[in-house]
Protein backbone atom coordinates (compact mmCIF):
# COMPACT_ATOMS: atom_id res chain seq x y z
CA MET A 1 0.00 0.00 0.00
CA THR A 2 1.47 3.36 -0.99
CA ALA A 3 1.17 6.66 0.82
CA LEU A 4 -1.45 7.74 -1.72
CA THR A 5 -3.81 4.99 -0.65
CA GLN A 6 -3.13 4.99 3.09
CA ARG A 7 -5.49 6.75 5.46
CA VAL A 8 -4.15 8.35 8.64
CA LEU A 9 -6.10 9.43 11.72
CA VAL A 10 -4.39 12.02 13.94
CA VAL A 11 -5.84 12.15 17.47
CA ASP A 12 -4.55 15.13 19.44
CA ASP A 13 -6.47 17.68 21.53
CA ASP A 14 -4.05 20.51 20.63
CA PRO A 15 -5.71 22.08 17.56
CA ALA A 16 -2.50 23.69 16.28
CA PHE A 17 -0.41 20.50 16.54
CA ASN A 18 -3.23 18.43 15.05
CA ARG A 19 -3.62 20.80 12.09
CA ILE A 20 0.14 21.03 11.42
CA LEU A 21 0.64 17.25 11.56
CA CYS A 22 -2.40 16.63 9.33
CA ARG A 23 -1.10 19.16 6.81
CA ALA A 24 2.42 17.63 6.82
CA LEU A 25 1.05 14.11 6.26
CA THR A 26 -1.28 15.34 3.51
CA ARG A 27 1.70 16.90 1.73
CA ARG A 28 3.36 13.48 1.82
CA GLY A 29 0.42 11.95 -0.04
CA TYR A 30 -1.60 10.46 2.82
CA SER A 31 -5.34 10.84 3.21
CA VAL A 32 -5.57 12.41 6.68
CA SER A 33 -8.32 13.13 9.22
CA GLY A 34 -7.93 14.85 12.57
CA ALA A 35 -9.82 14.18 15.80
CA HIS A 36 -9.66 16.24 18.99
CA THR A 37 -11.68 14.09 21.42
CA PRO A 38 -11.85 10.36 22.21
CA THR A 39 -15.45 10.15 20.96
CA GLU A 40 -14.57 11.85 17.68
CA ALA A 41 -11.54 9.55 17.28
CA VAL A 42 -13.54 6.32 17.67
CA THR A 43 -16.26 7.61 15.33
CA LEU A 44 -13.74 8.57 12.64
CA ALA A 45 -11.88 5.26 13.06
CA ALA A 46 -15.09 3.34 12.38
CA LEU A 47 -16.23 5.56 9.48
CA GLU A 48 -12.96 6.30 7.68
CA ARG A 49 -11.12 3.03 8.46
CA PRO A 50 -7.58 4.47 8.82
CA ASP A 51 -4.51 2.32 8.21
CA LEU A 52 -2.34 4.39 10.55
CA ILE A 53 -3.34 6.16 13.77
CA VAL A 54 -1.30 8.81 15.59
CA LEU A 55 -2.57 9.04 19.18
CA ASP A 56 -1.61 11.62 21.81
CA LEU A 57 -1.11 10.16 25.29
CA ASN A 58 -2.85 13.07 27.03
CA LEU A 59 -6.20 14.13 25.57
CA ALA A 60 -7.42 17.08 27.64
CA GLY A 61 -6.71 15.21 30.87
CA ASP A 62 -7.91 11.81 29.62
CA SER A 63 -5.41 9.06 28.96
CA GLY A 64 -4.84 8.13 25.33
CA LEU A 65 -3.99 4.63 26.60
CA ALA A 66 -7.69 4.10 27.35
CA LEU A 67 -8.43 4.87 23.70
CA ILE A 68 -6.17 2.16 22.23
CA ALA A 69 -8.67 -0.69 22.78
CA PRO A 70 -11.68 1.13 21.25
CA LEU A 71 -9.57 2.21 18.27
CA LYS A 72 -8.30 -1.35 17.81
CA HIS A 73 -11.88 -2.60 18.06
CA ALA A 74 -13.05 -0.11 15.42
CA ARG A 75 -10.06 -0.80 13.16
CA PRO A 76 -8.10 -3.95 14.17
CA GLU A 77 -5.69 -3.74 11.21
CA ALA A 78 -4.58 -0.18 11.99
CA SER A 79 -1.08 0.54 13.30
CA ILE A 80 -1.04 2.92 16.27
CA VAL A 81 1.81 5.23 17.29
CA VAL A 82 1.39 6.94 20.66
CA LEU A 83 2.93 10.42 21.05
CA THR A 84 3.63 12.09 24.38
CA GLY A 85 5.31 15.16 25.74
CA TYR A 86 6.21 13.27 28.94
CA ALA A 87 7.65 9.90 27.97
CA SER A 88 8.24 7.20 30.54
CA ILE A 89 9.15 3.54 30.32
CA ALA A 90 6.04 2.53 32.29
CA THR A 91 3.61 4.21 29.89
CA ALA A 92 5.59 3.00 26.87
CA VAL A 93 5.34 -0.61 28.05
CA GLU A 94 1.65 -0.20 28.84
CA ALA A 95 0.95 1.33 25.40
CA ILE A 96 2.65 -1.60 23.65
CA LYS A 97 0.82 -4.14 25.86
CA LEU A 98 -2.49 -2.50 24.93
CA GLY A 99 -1.77 -2.81 21.22
CA ALA A 100 0.16 0.27 20.13
CA ASN A 101 2.93 -0.40 17.64
CA GLN A 102 5.26 2.36 18.81
CA TYR A 103 5.63 5.09 21.44
CA LEU A 104 7.42 8.36 20.66
CA ALA A 105 8.28 11.45 22.69
CA LYS A 106 7.31 14.88 21.33
CA PRO A 107 8.56 16.84 19.55
CA VAL A 108 8.75 14.44 16.62
CA ASP A 109 9.30 15.12 12.95
CA VAL A 110 7.17 13.53 10.23
CA ASP A 111 10.00 11.29 8.97
CA THR A 112 10.50 9.81 12.44
CA LEU A 113 6.75 9.36 12.84
CA LEU A 114 6.41 7.56 9.51
CA ALA A 115 9.45 5.41 10.32
CA ALA A 116 7.74 4.44 13.59
CA PHE A 117 4.98 2.80 11.59
CA GLY A 118 7.81 0.58 10.35
CA SER A 119 7.22 -2.03 7.73
CA ARG A 120 3.55 -1.08 7.57
CA ASN A 121 4.49 1.68 5.11
CA ALA A 122 5.89 -0.99 2.83
CA GLY A 123 2.63 -2.92 3.00
CA ASP A 124 3.88 -5.65 5.35
CA GLU A 125 2.32 -6.58 8.63
CA ALA A 126 3.22 -4.13 11.35
CA THR A 127 5.31 -5.44 14.21
CA PRO A 128 5.35 -3.91 17.69
CA ALA A 129 8.39 -1.90 18.68
CA VAL A 130 11.01 -3.60 20.78
CA CYS A 131 12.86 -1.47 23.30
CA SER A 132 16.58 -2.02 23.54
CA PRO A 133 18.34 -1.56 26.88
CA PRO A 134 20.13 1.75 27.40
CA ASN A 135 23.91 1.86 26.97
CA ALA A 136 24.42 3.79 30.21
CA PRO A 137 22.53 3.45 33.50
CA LEU A 138 19.73 5.93 34.14
CA SER A 139 20.41 8.99 36.27
CA VAL A 140 18.91 9.09 39.76
CA ASP A 141 16.49 11.83 38.68
CA ARG A 142 15.36 9.79 35.67
CA MET A 143 14.93 6.66 37.84
CA GLU A 144 12.75 8.71 40.20
CA TRP A 145 10.69 9.97 37.23
CA GLU A 146 10.22 6.42 35.92
CA HIS A 147 9.22 5.13 39.36
CA ILE A 148 6.66 7.92 39.81
CA GLN A 149 5.22 7.21 36.35
CA ARG A 150 4.92 3.49 37.10
CA ILE A 151 3.12 4.10 40.42
CA LEU A 152 0.90 6.75 38.80
CA LEU A 153 -0.07 4.20 36.13
CA GLU A 154 -0.82 1.58 38.82
CA TYR A 155 -3.21 4.01 40.49
CA GLY A 156 -4.95 4.93 37.24
CA GLY A 157 -3.60 8.48 37.15
CA ASN A 158 -4.98 9.34 40.60
CA ILE A 159 -2.55 11.93 42.00
CA SER A 160 -3.73 11.68 45.62
CA ALA A 161 -3.54 7.87 45.73
CA THR A 162 -0.12 7.94 44.04
CA ALA A 163 1.17 10.53 46.54
CA ARG A 164 -0.03 8.36 49.45
CA ALA A 165 1.64 5.27 47.95
CA LEU A 166 4.90 7.18 47.50
CA LYS A 167 4.59 8.70 51.00
CA MET A 168 4.88 12.12 49.40
CA HIS A 169 2.83 15.29 49.78
CA ARG A 170 0.35 15.68 46.91
CA ARG A 171 1.66 19.15 45.98
CA THR A 172 5.23 17.87 45.85
CA LEU A 173 4.12 15.10 43.50
CA GLN A 174 2.21 17.58 41.33
CA ARG A 175 5.33 19.77 41.13
CA LYS A 176 7.45 16.78 40.07
CA LEU A 177 4.88 15.75 37.46
CA GLY A 178 4.71 19.30 36.10
CA LYS A 179 8.40 19.24 35.23
CA ARG A 180 9.91 17.71 32.11
CA PRO A 181 11.33 14.21 32.62
CA ALA A 182 14.95 14.16 33.71
CA LYS A 183 17.60 13.23 31.16
CA ALA A 184 18.65 9.60 31.16
């Protein structure tokens, strides 16, 4: 299947990012639709039957991870790449377990995004991404970030429950979550 015949669904609640990514993919020959809400995304996936889906991890406070199953149900053959501004190993693993094919940190360029869909662009079956171990050990700050993300995922995104589990004040946790992830 060539770019001219592939349909892409971009699911991102940021109207500017959604519009820019849709425009860039259209210029590359893809047929592109944009959705801003989970409901709109599932509806478009069922109606337009996209081959490729770009899904933001945070949709106006809702988790994009919860949207993977409905999108896969609406379009089982579609390859899904999850994008996030706050990447963590815990959410990456969870996204792949739920059926995403790849997980990328923003900002991302269109070439990297299309490469993340892998062999699907060549018409082959898509294969999930495999994470390779890092060459150097993670920094203490990055390990803390990863641990917080894992516990946050375990508690379904509930900040108060996560803070109690980490024996941390809720405001301290919110401050840590508001920062960019530490460098590895």
